[in-house]
Protein backbone atom coordinates (compact mmCIF):
# COMPACT_ATOMS: atom_id res chain seq x y z
CA UNK A 1 -6.10 37.67 -18.24
CA UNK A 2 -8.02 34.83 -16.79
CA UNK A 3 -9.50 33.15 -19.85
CA UNK A 4 -8.40 29.73 -18.51
CA UNK A 5 -10.27 29.74 -15.57
CA UNK A 6 -13.52 28.05 -16.86
CA UNK A 7 -11.49 25.32 -18.22
CA UNK A 8 -8.81 24.76 -15.66
CA UNK A 9 -9.79 21.05 -15.16
CA UNK A 10 -8.38 20.41 -18.57
CA UNK A 11 -4.87 21.16 -17.81
CA UNK A 12 -2.28 18.69 -18.79
CA UNK A 13 -0.22 17.26 -15.69
CA UNK A 14 3.52 16.15 -15.86
CA UNK A 15 5.21 14.62 -12.92
CA UNK A 16 9.05 15.36 -12.22
CA UNK A 17 10.65 12.12 -10.44
CA UNK A 18 14.31 12.03 -9.39
CA UNK A 19 17.07 9.11 -9.60
CA UNK A 20 19.23 9.85 -6.62
CA UNK A 21 20.65 13.25 -6.24
CA UNK A 22 20.43 14.23 -9.99
CA UNK A 23 19.06 17.80 -10.09
CA UNK A 24 15.34 17.40 -9.96
CA UNK A 25 14.55 20.69 -8.31
CA UNK A 26 17.09 22.26 -10.71
CA UNK A 27 15.15 20.90 -13.57
CA UNK A 28 11.78 21.76 -12.20
CA UNK A 29 13.23 25.54 -11.87
CA UNK A 30 13.68 25.75 -15.39
CA UNK A 31 9.94 25.46 -16.15
CA UNK A 32 9.07 28.04 -13.65
CA UNK A 33 8.93 31.14 -16.01
CA UNK A 34 7.52 29.48 -19.21
CA UNK A 35 4.06 31.35 -19.88
CA UNK A 36 2.23 28.29 -20.62
CA UNK A 37 3.36 26.21 -17.32
CA UNK A 38 1.66 26.41 -13.99
CA UNK A 39 3.86 24.98 -11.06
CA UNK A 40 4.63 25.41 -7.11
CA UNK A 41 8.12 25.82 -6.11
CA UNK A 42 10.60 23.08 -5.35
CA UNK A 43 9.47 19.71 -4.05
CA UNK A 44 7.17 20.35 -1.09
CA UNK A 45 3.83 19.53 -2.80
CA UNK A 46 4.77 15.82 -3.20
CA UNK A 47 2.93 15.07 -0.35
CA UNK A 48 -0.29 16.21 -1.81
CA UNK A 49 -1.49 12.82 -3.01
CA UNK A 50 0.08 11.54 0.05
CA UNK A 51 -0.43 12.76 3.44
CA UNK A 52 -1.74 16.18 2.51
CA UNK A 53 -5.15 15.50 0.77
CA UNK A 54 -6.58 13.33 3.74
CA UNK A 55 -6.14 16.61 5.96
CA UNK A 56 -7.32 18.95 3.59
CA UNK A 57 -10.52 16.96 2.77
CA UNK A 58 -11.63 16.76 6.30
CA UNK A 59 -12.09 20.59 6.35
CA UNK A 60 -15.48 22.08 5.89
CA UNK A 61 -15.65 24.43 2.91
CA UNK A 62 -13.18 25.70 0.28
CA UNK A 63 -11.90 28.55 2.86
CA UNK A 64 -10.88 25.99 5.41
CA UNK A 65 -9.34 23.90 3.02
CA UNK A 66 -7.39 26.52 1.52
CA UNK A 67 -6.10 27.38 5.26
CA UNK A 68 -5.08 23.75 5.62
CA UNK A 69 -3.11 23.72 2.34
CA UNK A 70 -1.35 26.63 3.45
CA UNK A 71 -0.61 25.17 6.80
CA UNK A 72 0.58 21.87 4.94
CA UNK A 73 2.97 23.82 2.63
CA UNK A 74 4.19 26.95 4.67
CA UNK A 75 7.37 27.33 2.41
CA UNK A 76 5.40 27.82 -0.85
CA UNK A 77 3.95 31.12 0.72
CA UNK A 78 7.04 32.16 2.80
CA UNK A 79 10.49 30.99 1.92
CA UNK A 80 11.93 31.75 5.20
CA UNK A 81 9.73 28.58 6.55
CA UNK A 82 11.89 26.54 4.00
CA UNK A 83 13.24 23.77 6.57
CA UNK A 84 14.13 21.46 3.86
CA UNK A 85 17.03 23.47 2.66
CA UNK A 86 15.64 23.96 -0.95
CA UNK A 87 16.85 27.52 -1.16
CA UNK A 88 13.69 29.26 -1.26
CA UNK A 89 14.84 31.74 1.23
CA UNK A 90 17.87 32.75 -0.93
CA UNK A 91 16.60 33.59 -4.29
CA UNK A 92 17.56 36.65 -6.57
CA UNK A 93 20.71 37.35 -7.91
CA UNK A 94 21.98 38.64 -4.41
CA UNK A 95 20.78 35.53 -2.85
CA UNK A 96 18.75 37.63 -0.37
CA UNK A 97 15.28 37.35 -1.31
CA UNK A 98 12.72 35.00 0.33
CA UNK A 99 9.74 33.60 -1.59
CA UNK A 100 6.43 35.18 -0.53
CA UNK A 101 2.86 34.69 -1.68
CA UNK A 102 0.04 36.58 -0.09
CA UNK A 103 -2.13 33.91 1.78
CA UNK A 104 -5.18 35.79 1.57
CA UNK A 105 -5.05 36.52 -1.92
CA UNK A 106 -4.27 32.63 -2.42
CA UNK A 107 -7.39 32.00 -0.36
CA UNK A 108 -9.57 34.56 -2.03
CA UNK A 109 -8.72 33.03 -5.55
CA UNK A 110 -9.17 29.43 -4.57
CA UNK A 111 -12.52 29.85 -2.97
CA UNK A 112 -13.70 31.64 -6.03
CA UNK A 113 -12.29 28.74 -8.29
CA UNK A 114 -13.81 26.01 -6.11
CA UNK A 115 -17.24 27.81 -5.88
CA UNK A 116 -20.52 25.81 -7.51
CA UNK A 117 -19.52 21.98 -6.78
CA UNK A 118 -17.94 20.22 -4.06
CA UNK A 119 -14.05 20.14 -4.66
CA UNK A 120 -12.66 16.78 -5.52
CA UNK A 121 -8.96 16.02 -4.85
CA UNK A 122 -8.18 16.46 -8.54
CA UNK A 123 -10.30 19.73 -8.84
CA UNK A 124 -8.66 21.07 -5.57
CA UNK A 125 -5.11 20.47 -6.98
CA UNK A 126 -5.89 22.29 -10.41
CA UNK A 127 -7.60 25.06 -8.65
CA UNK A 128 -4.75 25.53 -6.07
CA UNK A 129 -2.19 25.86 -9.10
CA UNK A 130 -4.42 28.49 -10.74
CA UNK A 131 -5.16 30.36 -7.58
CA UNK A 132 -1.30 30.52 -6.48
CA UNK A 133 -0.62 32.17 -10.02
CA UNK A 134 -3.10 34.79 -9.65
CA UNK A 135 -2.36 35.41 -6.04
CA UNK A 136 1.10 36.41 -7.60
CA UNK A 137 -0.42 38.38 -10.17
CA UNK A 138 0.59 36.35 -13.15
CA UNK A 139 -1.33 36.03 -16.32
CA UNK A 140 -2.90 32.59 -16.68
CA UNK A 141 -4.49 32.95 -20.08
CA UNK A 142 -1.77 30.70 -21.75
CA UNK A 143 -1.57 28.06 -19.22
CA UNK A 144 -1.67 24.52 -20.53
CA UNK A 145 0.48 22.20 -18.29
CA UNK A 146 1.09 21.93 -14.79
CA UNK A 147 4.39 20.71 -13.96
CA UNK A 148 3.96 18.28 -10.69
CA UNK A 149 7.18 17.63 -8.44
CA UNK A 150 6.01 14.29 -7.30
CA UNK A 151 9.73 13.65 -6.67
CA UNK A 152 10.22 9.98 -5.27
CA UNK A 153 9.37 7.20 -7.62
CA UNK A 154 9.04 4.93 -4.60
CA UNK A 155 6.03 6.95 -3.19
CA UNK A 156 4.01 4.18 -4.82
CA UNK A 157 0.42 5.12 -3.17
CA UNK A 158 0.78 8.83 -3.85
CA UNK A 159 1.64 8.32 -7.49
CA UNK A 160 -1.10 5.75 -7.93
CA UNK A 161 -3.53 8.42 -6.53
CA UNK A 162 -2.00 10.84 -9.10
CA UNK A 163 -2.69 8.65 -11.55
CA UNK A 164 -6.19 8.03 -10.55
CA UNK A 165 -6.79 11.82 -11.02
CA UNK A 166 -4.69 12.54 -14.00
CA UNK A 167 -4.73 8.76 -15.91
CA UNK A 168 -2.80 10.61 -18.89
CA UNK A 169 0.11 11.66 -16.53
CA UNK A 170 3.58 11.85 -18.24
CA UNK A 171 6.60 11.65 -16.19
CA UNK A 172 10.37 13.09 -16.57
CA UNK A 173 13.01 11.51 -14.88
CA UNK A 174 16.40 13.15 -14.13
CA UNK A 175 19.54 10.83 -13.88
CA UNK A 176 23.31 11.23 -12.57
CA UNK A 177 26.32 9.32 -12.83
CA UNK A 178 25.31 6.83 -10.25
CA UNK A 179 28.60 6.75 -7.95
CA UNK A 180 28.43 10.61 -7.76
CA UNK A 181 24.66 10.58 -6.94
CA UNK A 182 25.04 8.16 -4.28
CA UNK A 183 27.57 10.08 -2.71
CA UNK A 184 25.57 13.34 -2.77
CA UNK A 185 22.68 11.41 -1.23
CA UNK A 186 24.65 10.08 1.63
CA UNK A 187 26.02 13.53 2.23
CA UNK A 188 22.76 15.24 2.43
CA UNK A 189 21.68 12.62 4.85
CA UNK A 190 24.38 13.40 6.95
CA UNK A 191 24.01 17.01 6.77
CA UNK A 192 20.50 17.25 7.27
CA UNK A 193 20.82 14.96 10.53
CA UNK A 194 23.43 17.54 11.76
CA UNK A 195 21.16 20.58 11.05
CA UNK A 196 18.12 18.87 12.40
CA UNK A 197 19.92 17.48 15.54
CA UNK A 198 20.15 13.88 15.10
CA UNK A 199 23.33 12.82 16.84
CA UNK A 200 22.52 8.94 16.08
CA UNK A 201 23.37 9.68 12.37
CA UNK A 202 25.31 12.74 11.83
CA UNK A 203 28.41 10.78 11.15
CA UNK A 204 28.94 8.29 8.18
CA UNK A 205 29.80 5.46 10.51
CA UNK A 206 26.33 5.75 11.83
CA UNK A 207 24.43 5.43 8.47
CA UNK A 208 24.86 1.84 8.20
CA UNK A 209 23.34 0.34 11.27
CA UNK A 210 20.69 3.05 11.44
CA UNK A 211 19.40 2.21 7.77
CA UNK A 212 19.95 5.40 6.30
CA UNK A 213 22.53 4.07 4.21
CA UNK A 214 20.28 1.47 2.75
CA UNK A 215 17.82 4.23 2.22
CA UNK A 216 20.12 5.84 -0.25
CA UNK A 217 21.81 2.72 -1.52
CA UNK A 218 18.63 1.09 -2.72
CA UNK A 219 17.18 3.99 -4.22
CA UNK A 220 20.10 4.08 -6.32
CA UNK A 221 19.43 0.62 -7.58
CA UNK A 222 15.91 0.82 -8.04
CA UNK A 223 15.33 4.22 -9.14
CA UNK A 224 11.99 4.21 -11.22
CA UNK A 225 12.62 0.91 -12.46
CA UNK A 226 9.87 -0.88 -9.89
CA UNK A 227 7.38 2.12 -10.72
CA UNK A 228 7.62 1.60 -14.62
CA UNK A 229 7.10 -2.01 -14.15
CA UNK A 230 3.77 -1.48 -12.67
CA UNK A 231 2.87 2.02 -14.08
CA UNK A 232 3.98 2.20 -17.65
CA UNK A 233 3.30 6.08 -17.96
CA UNK A 234 5.08 7.72 -20.66
CA UNK A 235 8.51 8.68 -19.37
CA UNK A 236 11.20 11.12 -20.62
CA UNK A 237 14.63 10.68 -19.27
CA UNK A 238 17.23 13.35 -18.97
CA UNK A 239 20.63 13.37 -17.65
CA UNK A 240 21.88 16.18 -15.40
CA UNK A 241 25.04 16.13 -17.22
CA UNK A 242 23.47 16.72 -20.54
CA UNK A 243 21.63 19.74 -19.11
CA UNK A 244 25.02 21.26 -18.03
CA UNK A 245 26.64 20.57 -21.22
CA UNK A 246 23.76 21.57 -23.70
CA UNK A 247 21.02 23.38 -21.90
CA UNK A 248 19.23 24.90 -25.09
CA UNK A 249 19.27 21.76 -26.88
CA UNK A 250 18.10 19.55 -24.04
CA UNK A 251 15.29 21.92 -22.83
CA UNK A 252 14.25 22.23 -26.63
CA UNK A 253 13.89 18.31 -26.87
CA UNK A 254 11.83 18.23 -24.02
CA UNK A 255 9.64 21.22 -24.55
CA UNK A 256 8.64 19.42 -27.65
CA UNK A 257 8.04 16.28 -26.04
CA UNK A 258 5.93 18.25 -23.65
CA UNK A 259 4.10 20.33 -26.45
CA UNK A 260 5.22 23.42 -25.04
CA UNK A 261 6.31 26.30 -27.32
CA UNK A 262 9.92 27.27 -27.18
CA UNK A 263 10.89 29.81 -24.91
CA UNK A 264 14.55 30.99 -23.88
CA UNK A 265 12.90 31.21 -20.23
CA UNK A 266 13.31 27.46 -20.28
CA UNK A 267 17.01 28.07 -19.91
CA UNK A 268 16.89 30.34 -16.94
CA UNK A 269 16.59 28.72 -13.30
CA UNK A 270 13.85 30.74 -11.30
CA UNK A 271 11.06 30.24 -8.81
CA UNK A 272 8.34 32.51 -8.76
CA UNK A 273 10.34 34.43 -11.26
CA UNK A 274 13.16 35.04 -8.79
CA UNK A 275 16.68 33.53 -9.89
CA UNK A 276 17.03 30.22 -8.13
CA UNK A 277 20.54 29.54 -6.67
CA UNK A 278 20.24 26.18 -5.46
CA UNK A 279 20.14 24.54 -1.91
CA UNK A 280 21.28 26.41 0.91
CA UNK A 281 22.40 24.72 4.29
CA UNK A 282 23.47 26.42 7.58
CA UNK A 283 27.35 26.37 7.66
CA UNK A 284 26.88 24.86 11.30
CA UNK A 285 25.03 22.33 12.86
CA UNK A 286 23.43 23.58 16.44
CA UNK A 287 26.65 21.96 18.32
CA UNK A 288 28.98 24.26 16.28
CA UNK A 289 30.61 21.59 14.18
CA UNK A 290 30.56 21.90 10.57
CA UNK A 291 27.09 20.95 9.03
CA UNK A 292 28.20 19.98 5.49
CA UNK A 293 30.82 17.21 5.17
CA UNK A 294 34.06 18.10 3.15
CA UNK A 295 34.24 16.89 -0.03
CA UNK A 296 36.92 14.68 1.10
CA UNK A 297 34.90 13.16 3.91
CA UNK A 298 31.81 12.53 1.57
CA UNK A 299 34.21 10.84 -1.27
CA UNK A 300 35.58 8.52 1.30
CA UNK A 301 31.98 7.34 2.23
CA UNK A 302 32.58 4.44 -0.47
CA UNK A 303 35.82 2.48 -1.08
CA UNK A 304 37.25 1.19 -4.50
CA UNK A 305 35.42 -2.12 -3.65
CA UNK A 306 31.99 -0.59 -3.02
CA UNK A 307 32.11 1.27 -6.25
CA UNK A 308 33.20 -1.97 -7.93
CA UNK A 309 30.19 -3.79 -6.70
CA UNK A 310 27.88 -0.94 -7.51
CA UNK A 311 29.07 -1.09 -10.97
CA UNK A 312 28.25 -4.74 -11.28
CA UNK A 313 24.80 -4.14 -9.78
CA UNK A 314 24.19 -1.28 -12.04
CA UNK A 315 25.63 -2.49 -15.20
CA UNK A 316 22.14 -2.12 -17.08
CA UNK A 317 21.89 1.49 -16.07
CA UNK A 318 25.66 2.22 -16.91
CA UNK A 319 24.85 0.76 -20.31
CA UNK A 320 21.30 2.32 -21.03
CA UNK A 321 22.29 5.68 -19.91
CA UNK A 322 25.53 5.90 -21.57
CA UNK A 323 27.58 6.10 -18.41
CA UNK A 324 29.85 3.58 -19.32
CA UNK A 325 30.52 -0.45 -19.59
CA UNK A 326 30.81 -2.99 -16.88
CA UNK A 327 33.32 -5.93 -17.74
CA UNK A 328 31.78 -9.51 -17.79
CA UNK A 329 34.16 -10.50 -14.93
CA UNK A 330 32.75 -7.67 -12.89
CA UNK A 331 29.25 -8.80 -13.44
CA UNK A 332 30.21 -12.08 -12.47
CA UNK A 333 32.16 -11.28 -9.18
CA UNK A 334 29.23 -8.97 -7.87
CA UNK A 335 27.13 -11.88 -6.63
CA UNK A 336 29.92 -13.01 -4.21
CA UNK A 337 31.17 -9.67 -3.52
CA UNK A 338 28.01 -8.27 -2.33
CA UNK A 339 28.38 -10.44 0.85
CA UNK A 340 31.28 -8.31 1.74
CA UNK A 341 30.88 -5.63 4.30
CA UNK A 342 30.92 -2.24 2.70
CA UNK A 343 33.11 0.41 3.93
CA UNK A 344 30.73 2.10 6.22
CA UNK A 345 29.44 -1.20 7.57
CA UNK A 346 33.10 -2.10 8.57
CA UNK A 347 33.43 1.16 10.20
CA UNK A 348 30.24 0.91 12.11
CA UNK A 349 31.23 -2.63 13.20
CA UNK A 350 34.74 -1.56 14.26
CA UNK A 351 33.29 1.55 16.24
CA UNK A 352 30.66 -0.88 18.16
CA UNK A 353 33.49 -3.42 19.06
CA UNK A 354 33.80 -3.31 23.14
CA UNK A 355 37.77 -3.58 22.51
CA UNK A 356 37.92 -0.45 20.40
CA UNK A 357 36.96 2.26 22.80
CA UNK A 358 39.02 4.92 20.78
CA UNK A 359 37.06 4.33 17.67
CA UNK A 360 33.71 4.50 19.52
CA UNK A 361 34.80 7.68 21.44
CA UNK A 362 35.61 9.37 18.05
CA UNK A 363 32.12 8.19 16.79
CA UNK A 364 29.56 8.37 19.68
CA UNK A 365 26.12 6.83 19.59
CA UNK A 366 26.85 4.03 17.34
CA UNK A 367 24.24 1.22 17.74
CA UNK A 368 25.43 -2.11 18.53
CA UNK A 369 27.05 -4.70 15.96
CA UNK A 370 23.78 -6.35 15.81
CA UNK A 371 22.13 -3.38 14.40
CA UNK A 372 24.83 -3.26 11.54
CA UNK A 373 24.71 -6.94 10.86
CA UNK A 374 21.05 -6.88 10.57
CA UNK A 375 21.26 -4.03 8.02
CA UNK A 376 23.79 -5.82 6.10
CA UNK A 377 21.46 -8.76 5.57
CA UNK A 378 18.79 -6.18 4.38
CA UNK A 379 21.46 -4.64 1.71
CA UNK A 380 22.34 -8.09 0.77
CA UNK A 381 18.80 -9.38 0.28
CA UNK A 382 17.64 -6.37 -1.85
CA UNK A 383 20.97 -6.44 -3.87
CA UNK A 384 20.05 -10.14 -4.87
CA UNK A 385 16.61 -9.28 -5.71
CA UNK A 386 17.86 -6.53 -7.66
CA UNK A 387 20.23 -8.74 -9.73
CA UNK A 388 17.54 -11.36 -10.25
CA UNK A 389 15.37 -8.38 -11.77
CA UNK A 390 18.03 -7.35 -14.07
CA UNK A 391 18.72 -10.73 -15.27
CA UNK A 392 14.91 -11.08 -16.03
CA UNK A 393 13.22 -7.64 -16.19
CA UNK A 394 9.65 -9.00 -16.69
CA UNK A 395 9.90 -10.71 -13.28
CA UNK A 396 9.76 -7.08 -11.69
CA UNK A 397 5.94 -6.73 -12.14
CA UNK A 398 5.29 -9.96 -10.72
CA UNK A 399 7.19 -9.73 -7.48
CA UNK A 400 5.70 -7.67 -4.58
CA UNK A 401 6.73 -4.08 -4.84
CA UNK A 402 9.59 -3.53 -2.30
CA UNK A 403 8.51 -1.60 0.92
CA UNK A 404 9.96 1.91 0.90
CA UNK A 405 12.74 2.05 3.16
CA UNK A 406 12.84 5.15 5.55
CA UNK A 407 15.88 7.60 6.29
CA UNK A 408 14.39 7.63 9.94
CA UNK A 409 14.32 11.46 10.01
CA UNK A 410 11.28 13.46 10.86
CA UNK A 411 11.12 17.22 10.52
CA UNK A 412 11.50 19.11 14.07
CA UNK A 413 8.99 21.21 15.38
CA UNK A 414 9.28 24.67 13.87
CA UNK A 415 10.24 27.74 16.04
CA UNK A 416 7.92 30.57 16.85
CA UNK A 417 6.57 31.95 13.49
CA UNK A 418 8.55 35.34 12.52
CA UNK A 419 6.80 38.28 10.96
CA UNK A 420 6.17 38.08 7.08
CA UNK A 421 8.37 40.31 4.90
CA UNK A 422 7.04 42.64 2.69
CA UNK A 423 5.69 41.12 -0.55
CA UNK A 424 7.63 40.81 -3.58
CA UNK A 425 6.58 43.20 -6.50
CA UNK A 426 4.36 41.10 -9.21
CA UNK A 427 6.32 38.66 -11.38
CA UNK A 428 8.05 40.31 -14.45
CA UNK A 429 7.21 38.81 -17.74
CA UNK A 430 10.85 37.76 -17.73
CA UNK A 431 13.53 37.23 -15.08
CA UNK A 432 15.83 40.21 -14.81
CA UNK A 433 19.02 38.24 -13.95
CA UNK A 434 20.84 35.61 -16.36
CA UNK A 435 21.10 32.02 -16.34
CA UNK A 436 21.53 30.39 -12.80
CA UNK A 437 22.50 26.67 -12.88
CA UNK A 438 22.44 25.54 -9.39
CA UNK A 439 23.70 21.88 -9.23
CA UNK A 440 23.37 18.92 -6.52
CA UNK A 441 26.66 18.33 -4.60
């Protein structure tokens, strides 16, 4: 059952990256039950090579390091601690199961695996995956591959650290039609701000002056292009629309690229062997208002001009990934139209006008017009930089990497801990339920 253990440091590592809201967690869930794969649920481990290891490495001894890892990733052990709304507390066909893994069993297995030599970052990372599987009663004898949800292709320091540990790292990138992807990203930013209690960015008009609009907008332009210009790791691109259209064929091709044997479990969406049902947001924010914006409100975030400009900016993306073609006229007009305020920028400017009290009352806590204009200049600057790099792709590697933007949100302090649920039974060899296909919204 545990014949892998002496050679666990030779496991292959494959990273998943998203480009916009493109179903990367869903793709990750399709690997969960494969008998040759080790993985930890959802995207919380994306901080390991960033902020987590510096904390873990300061602890004295494997047991203290294991406790620190658990504290850094509470939702991996108790799905009710999932405060990023990744649906780890609504698993199973009835959506009533919370992910649960015995922390004592995990610590015991990790300490045993790390015995004998100082735990390096690489060794700790791999041992944590094996210990997690063993704590769940999983057979690890056939494991060959770790699926690592690194998530953001703009987290350059974390990616560089991962590459230093795993020089043979390969990447899988998920894609989605860019307008739907950006609208979904903006919608999630508004939803999270409402649920977490950020009144300064809980309305769409507030996204432009606070920089949250630029956060999603710029990522939709960049995706993993800047990463690939600097780190030419082997990369497999997969469109979420293709997975939804032909899950069997797409996963067969991906499994072959990863040297994984074909298994129908690659078409079943699970985490820790339990049916995964996608993200789960509260229906109301703390004030009692609707937390998730309606489809109509979300779709109105971009008007026709915004979509036209984005099409001109993303002409190469649309062509390369078969989402359509951009006319020559559209590409010629885009550099000029970049100067025009977008719909959300216009809304923010109107709301900040002193002679428009009605608009300000309808959208409270809108920063000054100066903040909106400053963010407009930021958007224009990175849009022109992007156009330059699209015209001369080799230029990207010679320009300084763009500094990652921030949505300006930080996770609120958790409430008092709740008692742990009864542990889930050992993981079955095959999930009991049929295929579940959650999609980004």
